[in-house]
Amino acid sequence: MSLTIHRVTRDEEARDAPILSISLGDTAIFRLGGPERRSPTRSLRLGSGDLLVLSGPSRHWFHGVDRILPGTSRLLPEGGRINLTLRRVTPP
């Protein structure tokens, strides 16, 4: 798995606002790195209903989903995972 960082788009002015990630459905193995691609990583299990907040320095860290664990939730009739990512684009 290759960790990615979601670079700030040109339209995103609120670069210090936290990013919220809501997991629904099957569990995901999420890997969080650091500010550089070679930074050490740690893995987290994100189950259905979990909320992950990336704020402060971690908002810009490398991160990604290693894999989905099929059959770990019955929320979606045919299995799978939905991720909702919320971020503020403009300052309040």
PDB file of N, CA and C in Angstrom:
ATOM      1  N   MET A   1       0.841  -1.162   0.000  1.00  0.00           N
ATOM      2  CA  MET A   1       0.000   0.000   0.000  1.00  0.00           C
ATOM      3  C   MET A   1       0.885   1.223   0.000  1.00  0.00           C
ATOM      4  N   SER A   2       0.510   2.172  -0.775  1.00  0.00           N
ATOM      5  CA  SER A   2       1.247   3.421  -0.845  1.00  0.00           C
ATOM      6  C   SER A   2       0.466   4.491  -0.111  1.00  0.00           C
ATOM      7  N   LEU A   3       1.105   5.149   0.841  1.00  0.00           N
ATOM      8  CA  LEU A   3       0.436   6.222   1.571  1.00  0.00           C
ATOM      9  C   LEU A   3       0.360   7.454   0.686  1.00  0.00           C
ATOM     10  N   THR A   4      -0.749   8.130   0.757  1.00  0.00           N
ATOM     11  CA  THR A   4      -0.934   9.339  -0.028  1.00  0.00           C
ATOM     12  C   THR A   4      -1.224  10.497   0.904  1.00  0.00           C
ATOM     13  N   ILE A   5      -1.072  11.660   0.406  1.00  0.00           N
ATOM     14  CA  ILE A   5      -1.497  12.837   1.141  1.00  0.00           C
ATOM     15  C   ILE A   5      -2.438  13.586   0.224  1.00  0.00           C
ATOM     16  N   HIS A   6      -3.512  14.023   0.765  1.00  0.00           N
ATOM     17  CA  HIS A   6      -4.483  14.769  -0.025  1.00  0.00           C
ATOM     18  C   HIS A   6      -4.076  16.228   0.031  1.00  0.00           C
ATOM     19  N   ARG A   7      -3.446  16.670  -1.016  1.00  0.00           N
ATOM     20  CA  ARG A   7      -2.944  18.039  -1.076  1.00  0.00           C
ATOM     21  C   ARG A   7      -4.112  19.018  -1.077  1.00  0.00           C
ATOM     22  N   VAL A   8      -3.861  20.149  -0.490  1.00  0.00           N
ATOM     23  CA  VAL A   8      -4.859  21.204  -0.443  1.00  0.00           C
ATOM     24  C   VAL A   8      -5.124  21.671  -1.873  1.00  0.00           C
ATOM     25  N   THR A   9      -6.392  21.765  -2.212  1.00  0.00           N
ATOM     26  CA  THR A   9      -6.731  22.244  -3.551  1.00  0.00           C
ATOM     27  C   THR A   9      -6.646  23.762  -3.580  1.00  0.00           C
ATOM     28  N   ARG A  10      -6.629  24.322  -4.757  1.00  0.00           N
ATOM     29  CA  ARG A  10      -6.577  25.777  -4.895  1.00  0.00           C
ATOM     30  C   ARG A  10      -7.768  26.445  -4.237  1.00  0.00           C
ATOM     31  N   ASP A  11      -8.908  25.763  -4.219  1.00  0.00           N
ATOM     32  CA  ASP A  11     -10.123  26.343  -3.653  1.00  0.00           C
ATOM     33  C   ASP A  11     -10.192  26.249  -2.130  1.00  0.00           C
ATOM     34  N   GLU A  12      -9.315  25.485  -1.532  1.00  0.00           N
ATOM     35  CA  GLU A  12      -9.387  25.268  -0.092  1.00  0.00           C
ATOM     36  C   GLU A  12      -8.568  26.335   0.645  1.00  0.00           C
ATOM     37  N   GLU A  13      -9.261  27.295   1.226  1.00  0.00           N
ATOM     38  CA  GLU A  13      -8.595  28.389   1.931  1.00  0.00           C
ATOM     39  C   GLU A  13      -8.441  28.097   3.419  1.00  0.00           C
ATOM     40  N   ALA A  14      -9.291  27.266   3.980  1.00  0.00           N
ATOM     41  CA  ALA A  14      -9.293  26.974   5.422  1.00  0.00           C
ATOM     42  C   ALA A  14      -8.355  25.808   5.711  1.00  0.00           C
ATOM     43  N   ARG A  15      -7.074  26.024   5.549  1.00  0.00           N
ATOM     44  CA  ARG A  15      -6.090  24.946   5.660  1.00  0.00           C
ATOM     45  C   ARG A  15      -5.848  24.480   7.082  1.00  0.00           C
ATOM     46  N   ASP A  16      -6.299  25.231   8.064  1.00  0.00           N
ATOM     47  CA  ASP A  16      -6.113  24.832   9.461  1.00  0.00           C
ATOM     48  C   ASP A  16      -7.345  24.158  10.055  1.00  0.00           C
ATOM     49  N   ALA A  17      -8.461  24.153   9.327  1.00  0.00           N
ATOM     50  CA  ALA A  17      -9.674  23.506   9.832  1.00  0.00           C
ATOM     51  C   ALA A  17      -9.482  21.991   9.824  1.00  0.00           C
ATOM     52  N   PRO A  18     -10.005  21.288  10.831  1.00  0.00           N
ATOM     53  CA  PRO A  18      -9.836  19.827  10.869  1.00  0.00           C
ATOM     54  C   PRO A  18     -10.562  19.133   9.716  1.00  0.00           C
ATOM     55  N   ILE A  19     -10.118  17.924   9.427  1.00  0.00           N
ATOM     56  CA  ILE A  19     -10.785  17.049   8.467  1.00  0.00           C
ATOM     57  C   ILE A  19     -11.444  15.940   9.276  1.00  0.00           C
ATOM     58  N   LEU A  20     -12.713  15.673   9.013  1.00  0.00           N
ATOM     59  CA  LEU A  20     -13.457  14.613   9.690  1.00  0.00           C
ATOM     60  C   LEU A  20     -13.717  13.494   8.699  1.00  0.00           C
ATOM     61  N   SER A  21     -13.469  12.266   9.133  1.00  0.00           N
ATOM     62  CA  SER A  21     -13.688  11.100   8.294  1.00  0.00           C
ATOM     63  C   SER A  21     -14.607  10.142   9.052  1.00  0.00           C
ATOM     64  N   ILE A  22     -15.769   9.834   8.468  1.00  0.00           N
ATOM     65  CA  ILE A  22     -16.743   8.951   9.094  1.00  0.00           C
ATOM     66  C   ILE A  22     -16.773   7.637   8.316  1.00  0.00           C
ATOM     67  N   SER A  23     -16.563   6.521   9.021  1.00  0.00           N
ATOM     68  CA  SER A  23     -16.563   5.197   8.401  1.00  0.00           C
ATOM     69  C   SER A  23     -17.905   4.520   8.622  1.00  0.00           C
ATOM     70  N   LEU A  24     -18.441   3.938   7.565  1.00  0.00           N
ATOM     71  CA  LEU A  24     -19.691   3.172   7.639  1.00  0.00           C
ATOM     72  C   LEU A  24     -19.492   1.861   6.896  1.00  0.00           C
ATOM     73  N   GLY A  25     -19.968   0.770   7.479  1.00  0.00           N
ATOM     74  CA  GLY A  25     -19.842  -0.534   6.818  1.00  0.00           C
ATOM     75  C   GLY A  25     -18.623  -1.296   7.308  1.00  0.00           C
ATOM     76  N   ASP A  26     -18.028  -2.072   6.420  1.00  0.00           N
ATOM     77  CA  ASP A  26     -16.917  -2.950   6.790  1.00  0.00           C
ATOM     78  C   ASP A  26     -15.728  -2.180   7.373  1.00  0.00           C
ATOM     79  N   THR A  27     -15.016  -2.838   8.270  1.00  0.00           N
ATOM     80  CA  THR A  27     -13.839  -2.269   8.921  1.00  0.00           C
ATOM     81  C   THR A  27     -12.721  -2.042   7.914  1.00  0.00           C
ATOM     82  N   ALA A  28     -12.034  -0.913   8.064  1.00  0.00           N
ATOM     83  CA  ALA A  28     -10.873  -0.601   7.227  1.00  0.00           C
ATOM     84  C   ALA A  28      -9.630  -0.558   8.107  1.00  0.00           C
ATOM     85  N   ILE A  29      -8.527  -1.018   7.563  1.00  0.00           N
ATOM     86  CA  ILE A  29      -7.234  -0.843   8.214  1.00  0.00           C
ATOM     87  C   ILE A  29      -6.651   0.440   7.629  1.00  0.00           C
ATOM     88  N   PHE A  30      -6.568   1.459   8.468  1.00  0.00           N
ATOM     89  CA  PHE A  30      -6.129   2.792   8.059  1.00  0.00           C
ATOM     90  C   PHE A  30      -4.712   3.009   8.557  1.00  0.00           C
ATOM     91  N   ARG A  31      -3.855   3.493   7.699  1.00  0.00           N
ATOM     92  CA  ARG A  31      -2.466   3.741   8.089  1.00  0.00           C
ATOM     93  C   ARG A  31      -2.205   5.238   8.090  1.00  0.00           C
ATOM     94  N   LEU A  32      -1.643   5.707   9.194  1.00  0.00           N
ATOM     95  CA  LEU A  32      -1.321   7.114   9.358  1.00  0.00           C
ATOM     96  C   LEU A  32       0.184   7.253   9.465  1.00  0.00           C
ATOM     97  N   GLY A  33       0.746   8.086   8.617  1.00  0.00           N
ATOM     98  CA  GLY A  33       2.182   8.321   8.626  1.00  0.00           C
ATOM     99  C   GLY A  33       2.510   9.611   9.334  1.00  0.00           C
ATOM    100  N   GLY A  34       3.337  10.394   8.733  1.00  0.00           N
ATOM    101  CA  GLY A  34       3.752  11.662   9.294  1.00  0.00           C
ATOM    102  C   GLY A  34       3.883  12.686   8.194  1.00  0.00           C
ATOM    103  N   PRO A  35       4.603  13.752   8.457  1.00  0.00           N
ATOM    104  CA  PRO A  35       4.702  14.832   7.484  1.00  0.00           C
ATOM    105  C   PRO A  35       5.550  14.490   6.261  1.00  0.00           C
ATOM    106  N   GLU A  36       6.378  13.456   6.355  1.00  0.00           N
ATOM    107  CA  GLU A  36       7.213  13.056   5.226  1.00  0.00           C
ATOM    108  C   GLU A  36       6.896  11.616   4.839  1.00  0.00           C
ATOM    109  N   ARG A  37       7.076  11.291   3.572  1.00  0.00           N
ATOM    110  CA  ARG A  37       6.754   9.943   3.092  1.00  0.00           C
ATOM    111  C   ARG A  37       7.519   8.867   3.868  1.00  0.00           C
ATOM    112  N   ARG A  38       8.714   9.159   4.325  1.00  0.00           N
ATOM    113  CA  ARG A  38       9.517   8.160   5.049  1.00  0.00           C
ATOM    114  C   ARG A  38       9.224   8.129   6.551  1.00  0.00           C
ATOM    115  N   SER A  39       8.288   8.949   7.021  1.00  0.00           N
ATOM    116  CA  SER A  39       7.936   8.958   8.448  1.00  0.00           C
ATOM    117  C   SER A  39       7.413   7.592   8.878  1.00  0.00           C
ATOM    118  N   PRO A  40       7.644   7.196  10.130  1.00  0.00           N
ATOM    119  CA  PRO A  40       7.064   5.940  10.630  1.00  0.00           C
ATOM    120  C   PRO A  40       5.542   5.986  10.535  1.00  0.00           C
ATOM    121  N   THR A  41       4.942   4.819  10.383  1.00  0.00           N
ATOM    122  CA  THR A  41       3.480   4.741  10.281  1.00  0.00           C
ATOM    123  C   THR A  41       2.907   3.926  11.434  1.00  0.00           C
ATOM    124  N   ARG A  42       1.620   4.111  11.642  1.00  0.00           N
ATOM    125  CA  ARG A  42       0.887   3.273  12.585  1.00  0.00           C
ATOM    126  C   ARG A  42      -0.457   2.928  11.949  1.00  0.00           C
ATOM    127  N   SER A  43      -0.970   1.754  12.281  1.00  0.00           N
ATOM    128  CA  SER A  43      -2.230   1.288  11.707  1.00  0.00           C
ATOM    129  C   SER A  43      -3.336   1.376  12.742  1.00  0.00           C
ATOM    130  N   LEU A  44      -4.518   1.738  12.260  1.00  0.00           N
ATOM    131  CA  LEU A  44      -5.719   1.830  13.093  1.00  0.00           C
ATOM    132  C   LEU A  44      -6.837   1.058  12.412  1.00  0.00           C
ATOM    133  N   ARG A  45      -7.695   0.444  13.209  1.00  0.00           N
ATOM    134  CA  ARG A  45      -8.899  -0.183  12.656  1.00  0.00           C
ATOM    135  C   ARG A  45     -10.033   0.827  12.753  1.00  0.00           C
ATOM    136  N   LEU A  46     -10.672   1.091  11.631  1.00  0.00           N
ATOM    137  CA  LEU A  46     -11.809   1.993  11.604  1.00  0.00           C
ATOM    138  C   LEU A  46     -13.057   1.171  11.309  1.00  0.00           C
ATOM    139  N   GLY A  47     -13.885   0.994  12.343  1.00  0.00           N
ATOM    140  CA  GLY A  47     -15.111   0.232  12.206  1.00  0.00           C
ATOM    141  C   GLY A  47     -16.285   1.115  11.842  1.00  0.00           C
ATOM    142  N   SER A  48     -17.417   0.493  11.581  1.00  0.00           N
ATOM    143  CA  SER A  48     -18.619   1.226  11.212  1.00  0.00           C
ATOM    144  C   SER A  48     -19.023   2.171  12.343  1.00  0.00           C
ATOM    145  N   GLY A  49     -19.187   3.441  12.008  1.00  0.00           N
ATOM    146  CA  GLY A  49     -19.560   4.446  12.986  1.00  0.00           C
ATOM    147  C   GLY A  49     -18.379   5.186  13.592  1.00  0.00           C
ATOM    148  N   ASP A  50     -17.159   4.767  13.276  1.00  0.00           N
ATOM    149  CA  ASP A  50     -15.976   5.455  13.813  1.00  0.00           C
ATOM    150  C   ASP A  50     -15.782   6.799  13.123  1.00  0.00           C
ATOM    151  N   LEU A  51     -15.296   7.750  13.910  1.00  0.00           N
ATOM    152  CA  LEU A  51     -14.991   9.086  13.414  1.00  0.00           C
ATOM    153  C   LEU A  51     -13.509   9.329  13.623  1.00  0.00           C
ATOM    154  N   LEU A  52     -12.814   9.721  12.575  1.00  0.00           N
ATOM    155  CA  LEU A  52     -11.397  10.053  12.648  1.00  0.00           C
ATOM    156  C   LEU A  52     -11.274  11.544  12.397  1.00  0.00           C
ATOM    157  N   VAL A  53     -10.539  12.237  13.266  1.00  0.00           N
ATOM    158  CA  VAL A  53     -10.318  13.668  13.122  1.00  0.00           C
ATOM    159  C   VAL A  53      -8.833  13.905  12.870  1.00  0.00           C
ATOM    160  N   LEU A  54      -8.527  14.559  11.772  1.00  0.00           N
ATOM    161  CA  LEU A  54      -7.165  14.974  11.481  1.00  0.00           C
ATOM    162  C   LEU A  54      -7.128  16.491  11.650  1.00  0.00           C
ATOM    163  N   SER A  55      -6.394  16.931  12.669  1.00  0.00           N
ATOM    164  CA  SER A  55      -6.318  18.364  12.929  1.00  0.00           C
ATOM    165  C   SER A  55      -4.891  18.724  13.305  1.00  0.00           C
ATOM    166  N   GLY A  56      -4.615  20.018  13.312  1.00  0.00           N
ATOM    167  CA  GLY A  56      -3.257  20.457  13.597  1.00  0.00           C
ATOM    168  C   GLY A  56      -2.309  19.891  12.562  1.00  0.00           C
ATOM    169  N   PRO A  57      -1.104  19.522  12.974  1.00  0.00           N
ATOM    170  CA  PRO A  57      -0.123  18.995  12.005  1.00  0.00           C
ATOM    171  C   PRO A  57      -0.611  17.737  11.282  1.00  0.00           C
ATOM    172  N   SER A  58      -1.369  16.867  11.964  1.00  0.00           N
ATOM    173  CA  SER A  58      -1.781  15.600  11.335  1.00  0.00           C
ATOM    174  C   SER A  58      -2.701  15.807  10.134  1.00  0.00           C
ATOM    175  N   ARG A  59      -3.282  16.984  10.014  1.00  0.00           N
ATOM    176  CA  ARG A  59      -4.158  17.274   8.875  1.00  0.00           C
ATOM    177  C   ARG A  59      -3.411  17.114   7.551  1.00  0.00           C
ATOM    178  N   HIS A  60      -2.102  17.309   7.569  1.00  0.00           N
ATOM    179  CA  HIS A  60      -1.305  17.259   6.346  1.00  0.00           C
ATOM    180  C   HIS A  60      -0.399  16.033   6.276  1.00  0.00           C
ATOM    181  N   TRP A  61      -0.585  15.078   7.161  1.00  0.00           N
ATOM    182  CA  TRP A  61       0.246  13.875   7.166  1.00  0.00           C
ATOM    183  C   TRP A  61      -0.167  12.907   6.060  1.00  0.00           C
ATOM    184  N   PHE A  62       0.776  12.069   5.653  1.00  0.00           N
ATOM    185  CA  PHE A  62       0.477  11.004   4.699  1.00  0.00           C
ATOM    186  C   PHE A  62      -0.438   9.981   5.369  1.00  0.00           C
ATOM    187  N   HIS A  63      -1.398   9.469   4.611  1.00  0.00           N
ATOM    188  CA  HIS A  63      -2.350   8.510   5.170  1.00  0.00           C
ATOM    189  C   HIS A  63      -3.020   7.733   4.040  1.00  0.00           C
ATOM    190  N   GLY A  64      -3.646   6.623   4.400  1.00  0.00           N
ATOM    191  CA  GLY A  64      -4.354   5.834   3.406  1.00  0.00           C
ATOM    192  C   GLY A  64      -4.954   4.577   4.014  1.00  0.00           C
ATOM    193  N   VAL A  65      -5.809   3.907   3.255  1.00  0.00           N
ATOM    194  CA  VAL A  65      -6.437   2.657   3.680  1.00  0.00           C
ATOM    195  C   VAL A  65      -5.627   1.502   3.114  1.00  0.00           C
ATOM    196  N   ASP A  66      -5.133   0.637   4.009  1.00  0.00           N
ATOM    197  CA  ASP A  66      -4.392  -0.557   3.578  1.00  0.00           C
ATOM    198  C   ASP A  66      -5.323  -1.588   2.957  1.00  0.00           C
ATOM    199  N   ARG A  67      -6.409  -1.866   3.653  1.00  0.00           N
ATOM    200  CA  ARG A  67      -7.356  -2.870   3.150  1.00  0.00           C
ATOM    201  C   ARG A  67      -8.688  -2.765   3.884  1.00  0.00           C
ATOM    202  N   ILE A  68      -9.684  -3.380   3.289  1.00  0.00           N
ATOM    203  CA  ILE A  68     -11.029  -3.487   3.869  1.00  0.00           C
ATOM    204  C   ILE A  68     -11.194  -4.927   4.325  1.00  0.00           C
ATOM    205  N   LEU A  69     -11.779  -5.112   5.495  1.00  0.00           N
ATOM    206  CA  LEU A  69     -12.015  -6.462   6.030  1.00  0.00           C
ATOM    207  C   LEU A  69     -13.461  -6.866   5.728  1.00  0.00           C
ATOM    208  N   PRO A  70     -13.678  -7.647   4.662  1.00  0.00           N
ATOM    209  CA  PRO A  70     -15.031  -8.020   4.251  1.00  0.00           C
ATOM    210  C   PRO A  70     -15.775  -8.771   5.358  1.00  0.00           C
ATOM    211  N   GLY A  71     -17.077  -8.542   5.416  1.00  0.00           N
ATOM    212  CA  GLY A  71     -17.933  -9.276   6.349  1.00  0.00           C
ATOM    213  C   GLY A  71     -17.852  -8.818   7.793  1.00  0.00           C
ATOM    214  N   THR A  72     -17.265  -7.663   8.057  1.00  0.00           N
ATOM    215  CA  THR A  72     -17.135  -7.197   9.439  1.00  0.00           C
ATOM    216  C   THR A  72     -18.285  -6.288   9.866  1.00  0.00           C
ATOM    217  N   SER A  73     -19.208  -6.015   8.956  1.00  0.00           N
ATOM    218  CA  SER A  73     -20.378  -5.205   9.279  1.00  0.00           C
ATOM    219  C   SER A  73     -21.568  -5.705   8.475  1.00  0.00           C
ATOM    220  N   ARG A  74     -22.749  -5.532   9.060  1.00  0.00           N
ATOM    221  CA  ARG A  74     -23.978  -5.887   8.337  1.00  0.00           C
ATOM    222  C   ARG A  74     -24.753  -4.635   7.946  1.00  0.00           C
ATOM    223  N   LEU A  75     -24.127  -3.471   8.052  1.00  0.00           N
ATOM    224  CA  LEU A  75     -24.804  -2.215   7.745  1.00  0.00           C
ATOM    225  C   LEU A  75     -25.265  -2.152   6.289  1.00  0.00           C
ATOM    226  N   LEU A  76     -24.396  -2.551   5.368  1.00  0.00           N
ATOM    227  CA  LEU A  76     -24.736  -2.522   3.948  1.00  0.00           C
ATOM    228  C   LEU A  76     -25.125  -3.936   3.510  1.00  0.00           C
ATOM    229  N   PRO A  77     -26.292  -4.100   2.909  1.00  0.00           N
ATOM    230  CA  PRO A  77     -26.789  -5.445   2.574  1.00  0.00           C
ATOM    231  C   PRO A  77     -25.802  -6.305   1.784  1.00  0.00           C
ATOM    232  N   GLU A  78     -25.044  -5.716   0.891  1.00  0.00           N
ATOM    233  CA  GLU A  78     -24.102  -6.494   0.078  1.00  0.00           C
ATOM    234  C   GLU A  78     -22.664  -6.302   0.530  1.00  0.00           C
ATOM    235  N   GLY A  79     -22.460  -5.758   1.724  1.00  0.00           N
ATOM    236  CA  GLY A  79     -21.117  -5.537   2.243  1.00  0.00           C
ATOM    237  C   GLY A  79     -20.467  -4.308   1.633  1.00  0.00           C
ATOM    238  N   GLY A  80     -19.239  -4.057   2.054  1.00  0.00           N
ATOM    239  CA  GLY A  80     -18.504  -2.909   1.534  1.00  0.00           C
ATOM    240  C   GLY A  80     -18.379  -1.817   2.589  1.00  0.00           C
ATOM    241  N   ARG A  81     -17.857  -0.712   2.167  1.00  0.00           N
ATOM    242  CA  ARG A  81     -17.567   0.387   3.081  1.00  0.00           C
ATOM    243  C   ARG A  81     -17.863   1.713   2.400  1.00  0.00           C
ATOM    244  N   ILE A  82     -18.400   2.622   3.190  1.00  0.00           N
ATOM    245  CA  ILE A  82     -18.621   3.994   2.749  1.00  0.00           C
ATOM    246  C   ILE A  82     -17.803   4.880   3.671  1.00  0.00           C
ATOM    247  N   ASN A  83     -17.094   5.841   3.101  1.00  0.00           N
ATOM    248  CA  ASN A  83     -16.354   6.812   3.885  1.00  0.00           C
ATOM    249  C   ASN A  83     -16.858   8.199   3.527  1.00  0.00           C
ATOM    250  N   LEU A  84     -17.231   8.961   4.544  1.00  0.00           N
ATOM    251  CA  LEU A  84     -17.633  10.358   4.345  1.00  0.00           C
ATOM    252  C   LEU A  84     -16.509  11.230   4.874  1.00  0.00           C
ATOM    253  N   THR A  85     -15.976  12.089   4.033  1.00  0.00           N
ATOM    254  CA  THR A  85     -14.913  12.991   4.442  1.00  0.00           C
ATOM    255  C   THR A  85     -15.450  14.406   4.397  1.00  0.00           C
ATOM    256  N   LEU A  86     -15.313  15.093   5.519  1.00  0.00           N
ATOM    257  CA  LEU A  86     -15.830  16.456   5.644  1.00  0.00           C
ATOM    258  C   LEU A  86     -14.673  17.402   5.909  1.00  0.00           C
ATOM    259  N   ARG A  87     -14.614  18.473   5.142  1.00  0.00           N
ATOM    260  CA  ARG A  87     -13.579  19.479   5.339  1.00  0.00           C
ATOM    261  C   ARG A  87     -14.159  20.853   5.025  1.00  0.00           C
ATOM    262  N   ARG A  88     -13.665  21.852   5.735  1.00  0.00           N
ATOM    263  CA  ARG A  88     -14.075  23.234   5.469  1.00  0.00           C
ATOM    264  C   ARG A  88     -13.178  23.749   4.355  1.00  0.00           C
ATOM    265  N   VAL A  89     -13.790  24.330   3.328  1.00  0.00           N
ATOM    266  CA  VAL A  89     -13.037  24.826   2.187  1.00  0.00           C
ATOM    267  C   VAL A  89     -12.742  26.319   2.314  1.00  0.00           C
ATOM    268  N   THR A  90     -13.688  27.060   2.878  1.00  0.00           N
ATOM    269  CA  THR A  90     -13.502  28.506   3.034  1.00  0.00           C
ATOM    270  C   THR A  90     -13.504  28.856   4.526  1.00  0.00           C
ATOM    271  N   PRO A  91     -12.799  29.914   4.912  1.00  0.00           N
ATOM    272  CA  PRO A  91     -12.796  30.334   6.314  1.00  0.00           C
ATOM    273  C   PRO A  91     -14.192  30.737   6.768  1.00  0.00           C
ATOM    274  N   PRO A  92     -14.462  30.604   8.084  1.00  0.00           N
ATOM    275  CA  PRO A  92     -15.790  30.998   8.593  1.00  0.00           C
ATOM    276  C   PRO A  92     -16.008  32.503   8.460  1.00  0.00           C
TER     277      PRO A  92
END
